[in-house]
Amino acid sequence: MQVTINYLELSSDDIAASKAFFSSAFGWGFTDYGPGYAGFEDAGLDGGIEQAGDGRTPPLAVLYAPDLDAAEAAVRSAGGEIVRAQFDFPGGRRFHFREPGGNELAVWSEAKA
């Protein structure tokens, strides 16, 4: 099974200011998905900026897997810790895990028809 880095999520204390910065500095465009999330475009990799809750979090690399259940089984088998169980989001499902070195990542797949 091929699993690839597919998306990057950033956290921001002020999404409007972050959007203005990235647009001005690098020419990125944005699509708003409600008041707490904006997807960025023309950045070389798909990604988004989420409104920070109780403080910013490190950037989150989001991996893509064609089979989410198989990817979760592979993460567990390799010693990863599931830190957020599978959940639905617009466009699919995903889960978050921590690898043995301490980094948190997520894996997503399209919703099953």
Protein backbone atom coordinates (compact mmCIF):
# COMPACT_ATOMS: atom_id res chain seq x y z
CA MET A 1 0.00 0.00 0.00
CA GLN A 2 1.39 3.40 -1.02
CA VAL A 3 0.89 6.13 1.61
CA THR A 4 2.05 9.64 0.65
CA ILE A 5 2.31 13.08 2.21
CA ASN A 6 -0.73 14.83 0.79
CA TYR A 7 -1.69 17.84 2.91
CA LEU A 8 -0.24 20.22 5.50
CA GLU A 9 -2.28 21.90 8.22
CA LEU A 10 -1.09 25.03 10.00
CA SER A 11 -2.58 26.53 13.15
CA SER A 12 -3.12 30.29 13.49
CA ASP A 13 -4.13 32.72 16.24
CA ASP A 14 -5.54 34.99 13.49
CA ILE A 15 -6.55 33.28 10.25
CA ALA A 16 -7.25 36.59 8.45
CA ALA A 17 -3.74 37.85 9.27
CA SER A 18 -2.18 34.54 8.22
CA LYS A 19 -4.09 34.57 4.93
CA ALA A 20 -3.05 38.17 4.25
CA PHE A 21 0.60 37.32 4.99
CA PHE A 22 0.82 34.22 2.79
CA SER A 23 -1.09 35.94 0.01
CA SER A 24 1.17 38.99 0.07
CA ALA A 25 4.47 37.17 0.63
CA PHE A 26 3.97 34.16 -1.63
CA GLY A 27 0.87 34.76 -3.76
CA TRP A 28 -1.15 31.93 -2.23
CA GLY A 29 -4.92 31.88 -2.71
CA PHE A 30 -7.46 30.64 -0.18
CA THR A 31 -10.83 28.93 0.01
CA ASP A 32 -12.76 29.50 3.24
CA TYR A 33 -14.50 26.51 4.81
CA GLY A 34 -16.28 28.38 7.57
CA PRO A 35 -14.87 30.89 10.05
CA GLY A 36 -12.32 28.49 11.53
CA TYR A 37 -10.63 27.00 8.46
CA ALA A 38 -9.19 28.13 5.15
CA GLY A 39 -7.59 25.90 2.55
CA PHE A 40 -4.55 27.34 0.77
CA GLU A 41 -3.88 27.10 -2.96
CA ASP A 42 -0.88 27.55 -5.25
CA ALA A 43 1.54 26.61 -2.45
CA GLY A 44 3.07 23.53 -4.08
CA LEU A 45 1.21 21.22 -1.68
CA ASP A 46 -2.43 21.22 -0.62
CA GLY A 47 -3.07 22.43 2.89
CA GLY A 48 -5.00 24.68 5.18
CA ILE A 49 -4.94 26.98 8.17
CA GLU A 50 -7.14 26.25 11.18
CA GLN A 51 -8.10 28.63 13.95
CA ALA A 52 -5.97 27.89 17.02
CA GLY A 53 -7.90 26.90 20.13
CA ASP A 54 -5.96 27.06 23.38
CA GLY A 55 -2.71 27.82 21.61
CA ARG A 56 -1.10 26.99 18.32
CA THR A 57 -0.11 23.44 17.51
CA PRO A 58 2.83 22.29 15.41
CA PRO A 59 2.18 21.88 11.68
CA LEU A 60 0.37 18.63 10.92
CA ALA A 61 1.46 16.51 7.95
CA VAL A 62 -1.54 14.66 6.56
CA LEU A 63 -0.84 11.44 4.66
CA TYR A 64 -3.14 9.88 2.06
CA ALA A 65 -3.94 6.16 2.03
CA PRO A 66 -6.40 4.42 -0.32
CA ASP A 67 -7.46 2.09 2.54
CA LEU A 68 -7.79 3.89 5.88
CA ASP A 69 -8.35 0.75 7.94
CA ALA A 70 -5.25 -0.93 6.48
CA ALA A 71 -3.20 2.21 7.14
CA GLU A 72 -4.38 2.30 10.75
CA ALA A 73 -3.48 -1.37 11.17
CA ALA A 74 -0.02 -0.69 9.71
CA VAL A 75 0.50 2.27 12.09
CA ARG A 76 -0.46 0.15 15.10
CA SER A 77 1.67 -2.78 13.94
CA ALA A 78 4.71 -0.53 13.54
CA GLY A 79 4.34 0.84 17.09
CA GLY A 80 2.38 4.02 16.41
CA GLU A 81 -0.16 5.31 18.94
CA ILE A 82 -3.61 6.36 17.72
CA VAL A 83 -4.27 9.75 19.36
CA ARG A 84 -7.52 10.59 17.56
CA ALA A 85 -9.81 7.81 16.32
CA GLN A 86 -11.19 7.82 12.78
CA PHE A 87 -13.64 10.66 12.13
CA ASP A 88 -15.52 12.14 9.19
CA PHE A 89 -14.61 15.48 7.63
CA PRO A 90 -15.66 17.09 4.32
CA GLY A 91 -14.30 14.77 1.64
CA GLY A 92 -13.48 11.70 3.68
CA ARG A 93 -12.34 10.19 6.96
CA ARG A 94 -9.09 10.42 8.88
CA PHE A 95 -7.30 9.51 12.10
CA HIS A 96 -4.30 10.99 13.92
CA PHE A 97 -1.36 9.06 15.31
CA ARG A 98 1.93 9.64 17.09
CA GLU A 99 5.00 7.83 15.79
CA PRO A 100 7.58 6.53 18.29
CA GLY A 101 9.73 9.66 17.90
CA GLY A 102 6.87 11.85 19.16
CA ASN A 103 5.60 13.45 15.93
CA GLU A 104 1.85 13.59 15.37
CA LEU A 105 0.59 12.96 11.84
CA ALA A 106 -2.77 12.17 10.29
CA VAL A 107 -3.90 9.75 7.59
CA TRP A 108 -6.98 10.35 5.43
CA SER A 109 -8.93 8.56 2.71
CA GLU A 110 -12.02 9.34 0.67
CA ALA A 111 -15.35 8.43 2.24
CA LYS A 112 -16.54 4.98 1.18
CA ALA A 113 -19.53 5.04 -1.12
